[in-house]
Amino acid sequence: MQVVKTGIKDLVEILPAVYQDDRGWFMEFYKEDSYQPAGIRYRFTQENLSFSKKGVVRGLHFQRAPYEQAKLVSVLQGKVLDVVVDLRKGSETFGEVFTCVLDSERRNMLMVPEGFAHGFAALEDSLFIYKTSNAYNRESECGIVWNDPDLKINWPFADPILSDKDRNLTTLSELLEKSLISRD
C-alpha cells in the first residue's frame, strides 16, 4: 500500500497493492495492521454503499461534534470527483478544498479525517463505498452547498442532479455566522 500526502494535514490518498493474474485481481481494502503504521488509527463502526448516476453531486456533508466522522472512501465501480473541505477548528488549512478522482480501475481511496465536509460528483454511473468512524446521527448532520462561491470548487457539471437536501444547504460563511462551526 502506498500512502500519498495531499498537502492538507492527515488527509491522504491510498493506493492499495493489487494482485492480479489471469483469474482477476485481489486487494486488501482495509487491514488495521497496514493502516496504523501510516498514521491511520480510526476504528470504523459503520460502512455505507451508495449508487449514483452520472451527473449526480452529493454533499458537501459533515457531522458536528460529538458525532464527527472520519471516512475511508472509494468506488467499487465507476469514477467520481471526490471533494473535501477542511473544517477543523484551528487548522492552518481551514476552508481549503482538496479534490481527487477516485476510480474503480485505479482502486484508489481517500482517508478523510474527522472535521472535513465531504462530497462527490459521479463522472460515470458509480458505486461508492465508505467506512465511517462514527455512526450517523441525524441531529448533528450539517452541510455546505455544493456551489458555495467562496470555495471555488471546479465541479464537472454546471447543472448537476441534486437532492432537495443538498440543493438547500448553506454556505461556509453562513455556517460560521450562525456559529454552527468555528474557525478558531
Foldseek 3Di string as FASTA:
>chain_A
DDWADDPFPPKTKDQWDWAQDPVGIDTDLDDQVVVVVVVDHFDFDDKDKDWDAAQAKDFQKFFDPPFFKWKKKAWLAAKKWKKKAAQDAPGPRHGAMDIDMHHNVSRMIITGDTRMGIMIGGNHGTMMMMTIRGDDDVVRMAGAAPPQVVHPDPDPDPDGDYDPVNNPHHHPVVCCVVVNGHND
